[in-house]
Amino acid sequence: MTSILKVDNIQKANGSTPKANDLGINTTGTVLQVLQTSTTTAASIAQDAFTTTGFTLTITPSKATSKVLLTGNLFLLCPNGAQASINIYDSISSGFITSQAYGLGGPYFASAGYYECVTTFSFLASVNSTSARTYTIYGRSTGTDPAVFYASNRLSTFTAMEIGG
């Protein structure tokens, strides 16, 4: 004999929608959510001091044992020979959680002494709670002029993926 269970909706006792873990489904190692933001808007980065770029993502982990994979691809303008570097700030730990990712100016000439500079990064952060947290990219330039997010037909992206733990 075959049994079929058909329902239109499943709710927890408090009326909320259950998550996979509530239903006994193993989510370890799986992507639970993906958030992404992007921009082509210019934003100055200060010389020799980390300043916010305004590039942020807020994620609320569904499990305290999860990790968040942060990746980014930033197109910058850098003065010739300068370096641009970034760090990621975590609102929960109230500090930077990454080591610096660097991009060097060149080899593509953009305009008036500036070169296209691509900075990419990937960092796996532990969350240890289900509290909402905001990750913000901070940047700085080591040159004599500030680096700038490249705004001319270049898309910079910042992605956060919750990986079940």
C-alpha atoms as a PDB file:
ATOM      1  CA  MET A   1       0.000   0.000   0.000  1.00  0.00           C
ATOM      2  CA  THR A   2       1.274   3.479  -0.867  1.00  0.00           C
ATOM      3  CA  SER A   3       0.560   6.504   1.282  1.00  0.00           C
ATOM      4  CA  ILE A   4       0.605  10.045   0.016  1.00  0.00           C
ATOM      5  CA  LEU A   5       0.633  13.062   2.275  1.00  0.00           C
ATOM      6  CA  LYS A   6      -0.468  16.291   0.613  1.00  0.00           C
ATOM      7  CA  VAL A   7      -0.455  19.650   2.389  1.00  0.00           C
ATOM      8  CA  ASP A   8      -0.742  23.232   1.249  1.00  0.00           C
ATOM      9  CA  ASN A   9       1.290  24.722   4.063  1.00  0.00           C
ATOM     10  CA  ILE A  10       3.495  23.667   6.994  1.00  0.00           C
ATOM     11  CA  GLN A  11       3.785  25.874  10.051  1.00  0.00           C
ATOM     12  CA  LYS A  12       5.634  25.616  13.323  1.00  0.00           C
ATOM     13  CA  ALA A  13       3.601  25.750  16.559  1.00  0.00           C
ATOM     14  CA  ASN A  14       4.208  29.506  16.806  1.00  0.00           C
ATOM     15  CA  GLY A  15       2.838  30.030  13.264  1.00  0.00           C
ATOM     16  CA  SER A  16       6.213  30.740  11.612  1.00  0.00           C
ATOM     17  CA  THR A  17       7.493  28.980   8.505  1.00  0.00           C
ATOM     18  CA  PRO A  18       9.922  26.145   9.308  1.00  0.00           C
ATOM     19  CA  LYS A  19      13.461  26.144   7.933  1.00  0.00           C
ATOM     20  CA  ALA A  20      15.172  23.057   6.535  1.00  0.00           C
ATOM     21  CA  ASN A  21      16.879  22.328   9.850  1.00  0.00           C
ATOM     22  CA  ASP A  22      13.479  22.411  11.647  1.00  0.00           C
ATOM     23  CA  LEU A  23      12.314  19.629   9.346  1.00  0.00           C
ATOM     24  CA  GLY A  24      15.342  17.432  10.012  1.00  0.00           C
ATOM     25  CA  ILE A  25      16.987  18.139   6.676  1.00  0.00           C
ATOM     26  CA  ASN A  26      20.797  18.213   6.912  1.00  0.00           C
ATOM     27  CA  THR A  27      22.071  21.584   5.658  1.00  0.00           C
ATOM     28  CA  THR A  28      25.757  21.196   6.597  1.00  0.00           C
ATOM     29  CA  GLY A  29      27.938  22.400   3.733  1.00  0.00           C
ATOM     30  CA  THR A  30      25.071  23.664   1.623  1.00  0.00           C
ATOM     31  CA  VAL A  31      24.452  27.226   0.499  1.00  0.00           C
ATOM     32  CA  LEU A  32      21.534  28.497   2.579  1.00  0.00           C
ATOM     33  CA  GLN A  33      21.286  32.028   1.198  1.00  0.00           C
ATOM     34  CA  VAL A  34      23.083  34.352  -1.212  1.00  0.00           C
ATOM     35  CA  LEU A  35      23.077  38.141  -1.129  1.00  0.00           C
ATOM     36  CA  GLN A  36      24.815  40.425  -3.586  1.00  0.00           C
ATOM     37  CA  THR A  37      25.194  44.122  -4.155  1.00  0.00           C
ATOM     38  CA  SER A  38      26.880  45.871  -7.038  1.00  0.00           C
ATOM     39  CA  THR A  39      27.767  49.353  -8.152  1.00  0.00           C
ATOM     40  CA  THR A  40      29.266  51.380 -10.951  1.00  0.00           C
ATOM     41  CA  THR A  41      29.208  54.545  -8.823  1.00  0.00           C
ATOM     42  CA  ALA A  42      32.477  56.305  -8.038  1.00  0.00           C
ATOM     43  CA  ALA A  43      33.563  56.528  -4.385  1.00  0.00           C
ATOM     44  CA  SER A  44      36.835  58.026  -3.171  1.00  0.00           C
ATOM     45  CA  ILE A  45      39.188  55.972  -1.029  1.00  0.00           C
ATOM     46  CA  ALA A  46      41.457  57.917   1.327  1.00  0.00           C
ATOM     47  CA  GLN A  47      45.213  57.786   1.109  1.00  0.00           C
ATOM     48  CA  ASP A  48      46.971  55.744   3.827  1.00  0.00           C
ATOM     49  CA  ALA A  49      43.859  55.385   6.036  1.00  0.00           C
ATOM     50  CA  PHE A  50      41.050  52.854   5.734  1.00  0.00           C
ATOM     51  CA  THR A  51      37.736  54.605   5.036  1.00  0.00           C
ATOM     52  CA  THR A  52      34.337  53.157   4.248  1.00  0.00           C
ATOM     53  CA  THR A  53      33.444  52.741   0.611  1.00  0.00           C
ATOM     54  CA  GLY A  54      29.738  52.567   1.412  1.00  0.00           C
ATOM     55  CA  PHE A  55      29.720  49.063  -0.100  1.00  0.00           C
ATOM     56  CA  THR A  56      27.765  46.966   2.454  1.00  0.00           C
ATOM     57  CA  LEU A  57      25.773  43.756   2.823  1.00  0.00           C
ATOM     58  CA  THR A  58      23.586  42.751   5.764  1.00  0.00           C
ATOM     59  CA  ILE A  59      22.926  39.057   6.310  1.00  0.00           C
ATOM     60  CA  THR A  60      21.040  37.235   9.072  1.00  0.00           C
ATOM     61  CA  PRO A  61      22.484  33.716   9.393  1.00  0.00           C
ATOM     62  CA  SER A  62      19.908  30.991   9.891  1.00  0.00           C
ATOM     63  CA  LYS A  63      22.304  28.904  12.032  1.00  0.00           C
ATOM     64  CA  ALA A  64      24.938  29.974  14.554  1.00  0.00           C
ATOM     65  CA  THR A  65      27.230  27.239  13.216  1.00  0.00           C
ATOM     66  CA  SER A  66      27.116  28.591   9.663  1.00  0.00           C
ATOM     67  CA  LYS A  67      29.926  30.394   7.930  1.00  0.00           C
ATOM     68  CA  VAL A  68      29.611  33.303   5.524  1.00  0.00           C
ATOM     69  CA  LEU A  69      31.695  33.285   2.357  1.00  0.00           C
ATOM     70  CA  LEU A  70      32.433  36.879   1.359  1.00  0.00           C
ATOM     71  CA  THR A  71      33.672  37.519  -2.168  1.00  0.00           C
ATOM     72  CA  GLY A  72      34.197  40.647  -4.164  1.00  0.00           C
ATOM     73  CA  ASN A  73      35.448  41.958  -7.448  1.00  0.00           C
ATOM     74  CA  LEU A  74      36.227  45.673  -7.329  1.00  0.00           C
ATOM     75  CA  PHE A  75      37.248  47.745 -10.338  1.00  0.00           C
ATOM     76  CA  LEU A  76      39.270  50.736  -9.173  1.00  0.00           C
ATOM     77  CA  LEU A  77      41.220  53.585 -10.704  1.00  0.00           C
ATOM     78  CA  CYS A  78      44.698  53.831  -9.216  1.00  0.00           C
ATOM     79  CA  PRO A  79      47.404  56.404  -9.771  1.00  0.00           C
ATOM     80  CA  ASN A  80      50.367  54.975 -11.678  1.00  0.00           C
ATOM     81  CA  GLY A  81      52.398  52.735  -9.364  1.00  0.00           C
ATOM     82  CA  ALA A  82      49.970  53.027  -6.457  1.00  0.00           C
ATOM     83  CA  GLN A  83      48.273  50.192  -4.638  1.00  0.00           C
ATOM     84  CA  ALA A  84      44.698  49.997  -3.451  1.00  0.00           C
ATOM     85  CA  SER A  85      43.900  47.698  -0.554  1.00  0.00           C
ATOM     86  CA  ILE A  86      40.672  46.686   1.157  1.00  0.00           C
ATOM     87  CA  ASN A  87      39.544  45.251   4.485  1.00  0.00           C
ATOM     88  CA  ILE A  88      36.099  44.014   5.490  1.00  0.00           C
ATOM     89  CA  TYR A  89      34.497  45.323   8.678  1.00  0.00           C
ATOM     90  CA  ASP A  90      32.035  43.137  10.635  1.00  0.00           C
ATOM     91  CA  SER A  91      29.380  45.015  12.640  1.00  0.00           C
ATOM     92  CA  ILE A  92      29.035  42.213  15.219  1.00  0.00           C
ATOM     93  CA  SER A  93      32.737  41.843  16.064  1.00  0.00           C
ATOM     94  CA  SER A  94      33.196  45.616  15.613  1.00  0.00           C
ATOM     95  CA  GLY A  95      36.441  45.103  13.768  1.00  0.00           C
ATOM     96  CA  PHE A  96      38.137  44.142  10.536  1.00  0.00           C
ATOM     97  CA  ILE A  97      37.917  40.431   9.805  1.00  0.00           C
ATOM     98  CA  THR A  98      40.196  40.150   6.779  1.00  0.00           C
ATOM     99  CA  SER A  99      43.762  40.749   5.877  1.00  0.00           C
ATOM    100  CA  GLN A 100      44.257  43.225   3.085  1.00  0.00           C
ATOM    101  CA  ALA A 101      43.612  42.373  -0.556  1.00  0.00           C
ATOM    102  CA  TYR A 102      45.722  44.378  -2.960  1.00  0.00           C
ATOM    103  CA  GLY A 103      45.335  45.675  -6.483  1.00  0.00           C
ATOM    104  CA  LEU A 104      48.095  47.376  -8.420  1.00  0.00           C
ATOM    105  CA  GLY A 105      47.539  50.179 -10.909  1.00  0.00           C
ATOM    106  CA  GLY A 106      47.974  49.014 -14.517  1.00  0.00           C
ATOM    107  CA  PRO A 107      48.410  47.742 -17.081  1.00  0.00           C
ATOM    108  CA  TYR A 108      45.282  49.313 -18.580  1.00  0.00           C
ATOM    109  CA  PHE A 109      45.480  53.077 -18.906  1.00  0.00           C
ATOM    110  CA  ALA A 110      42.155  54.671 -17.971  1.00  0.00           C
ATOM    111  CA  SER A 111      42.628  58.454 -17.934  1.00  0.00           C
ATOM    112  CA  ALA A 112      44.983  61.252 -16.836  1.00  0.00           C
ATOM    113  CA  GLY A 113      47.594  59.158 -15.012  1.00  0.00           C
ATOM    114  CA  TYR A 114      45.142  56.604 -13.615  1.00  0.00           C
ATOM    115  CA  TYR A 115      45.206  52.922 -14.395  1.00  0.00           C
ATOM    116  CA  GLU A 116      42.541  50.284 -14.030  1.00  0.00           C
ATOM    117  CA  CYS A 117      43.175  48.268 -10.892  1.00  0.00           C
ATOM    118  CA  VAL A 118      41.188  45.114 -10.084  1.00  0.00           C
ATOM    119  CA  THR A 119      41.004  43.904  -6.489  1.00  0.00           C
ATOM    120  CA  THR A 120      39.366  40.541  -5.818  1.00  0.00           C
ATOM    121  CA  PHE A 121      38.928  38.778  -2.512  1.00  0.00           C
ATOM    122  CA  SER A 122      37.402  35.711  -0.898  1.00  0.00           C
ATOM    123  CA  PHE A 123      37.075  35.237   2.858  1.00  0.00           C
ATOM    124  CA  LEU A 124      35.224  32.648   4.960  1.00  0.00           C
ATOM    125  CA  ALA A 125      33.874  34.209   8.179  1.00  0.00           C
ATOM    126  CA  SER A 126      32.523  32.363  11.222  1.00  0.00           C
ATOM    127  CA  VAL A 127      29.272  33.839  12.543  1.00  0.00           C
ATOM    128  CA  ASN A 128      28.667  32.131  15.942  1.00  0.00           C
ATOM    129  CA  SER A 129      25.162  33.637  16.205  1.00  0.00           C
ATOM    130  CA  THR A 130      21.972  34.216  14.265  1.00  0.00           C
ATOM    131  CA  SER A 131      22.095  37.979  14.763  1.00  0.00           C
ATOM    132  CA  ALA A 132      21.965  40.202  11.691  1.00  0.00           C
ATOM    133  CA  ARG A 133      25.445  41.416  10.786  1.00  0.00           C
ATOM    134  CA  THR A 134      26.588  44.014   8.307  1.00  0.00           C
ATOM    135  CA  TYR A 135      29.799  43.612   6.352  1.00  0.00           C
ATOM    136  CA  THR A 136      31.315  46.826   4.972  1.00  0.00           C
ATOM    137  CA  ILE A 137      34.236  47.159   2.584  1.00  0.00           C
ATOM    138  CA  TYR A 138      36.848  49.715   3.650  1.00  0.00           C
ATOM    139  CA  GLY A 139      39.597  50.810   1.313  1.00  0.00           C
ATOM    140  CA  ARG A 140      42.765  52.875   1.148  1.00  0.00           C
ATOM    141  CA  SER A 141      45.320  53.976  -1.402  1.00  0.00           C
ATOM    142  CA  THR A 142      49.072  53.967  -0.874  1.00  0.00           C
ATOM    143  CA  GLY A 143      49.656  56.449  -3.686  1.00  0.00           C
ATOM    144  CA  THR A 144      49.815  60.219  -3.689  1.00  0.00           C
ATOM    145  CA  ASP A 145      46.197  60.420  -4.879  1.00  0.00           C
ATOM    146  CA  PRO A 146      43.163  58.486  -3.681  1.00  0.00           C
ATOM    147  CA  ALA A 147      41.996  55.498  -5.669  1.00  0.00           C
ATOM    148  CA  VAL A 148      38.434  55.644  -6.969  1.00  0.00           C
ATOM    149  CA  PHE A 149      35.833  52.987  -7.738  1.00  0.00           C
ATOM    150  CA  TYR A 150      35.860  52.768 -11.490  1.00  0.00           C
ATOM    151  CA  ALA A 151      32.509  53.967 -12.787  1.00  0.00           C
ATOM    152  CA  SER A 152      32.871  53.765 -16.538  1.00  0.00           C
ATOM    153  CA  ASN A 153      31.198  50.543 -17.734  1.00  0.00           C
ATOM    154  CA  ARG A 154      32.788  48.479 -14.938  1.00  0.00           C
ATOM    155  CA  LEU A 155      30.715  46.617 -12.393  1.00  0.00           C
ATOM    156  CA  SER A 156      32.047  46.080  -8.863  1.00  0.00           C
ATOM    157  CA  THR A 157      30.317  43.324  -6.863  1.00  0.00           C
ATOM    158  CA  PHE A 158      30.196  42.209  -3.220  1.00  0.00           C
ATOM    159  CA  THR A 159      28.635  38.824  -2.386  1.00  0.00           C
ATOM    160  CA  ALA A 160      27.816  37.024   0.887  1.00  0.00           C
ATOM    161  CA  MET A 161      26.844  33.319   0.898  1.00  0.00           C
ATOM    162  CA  GLU A 162      25.726  31.542   4.053  1.00  0.00           C
ATOM    163  CA  ILE A 163      27.154  28.024   4.166  1.00  0.00           C
ATOM    164  CA  GLY A 164      25.367  25.670   6.588  1.00  0.00           C
ATOM    165  CA  GLY A 165      27.514  24.370   9.427  1.00  0.00           C
END
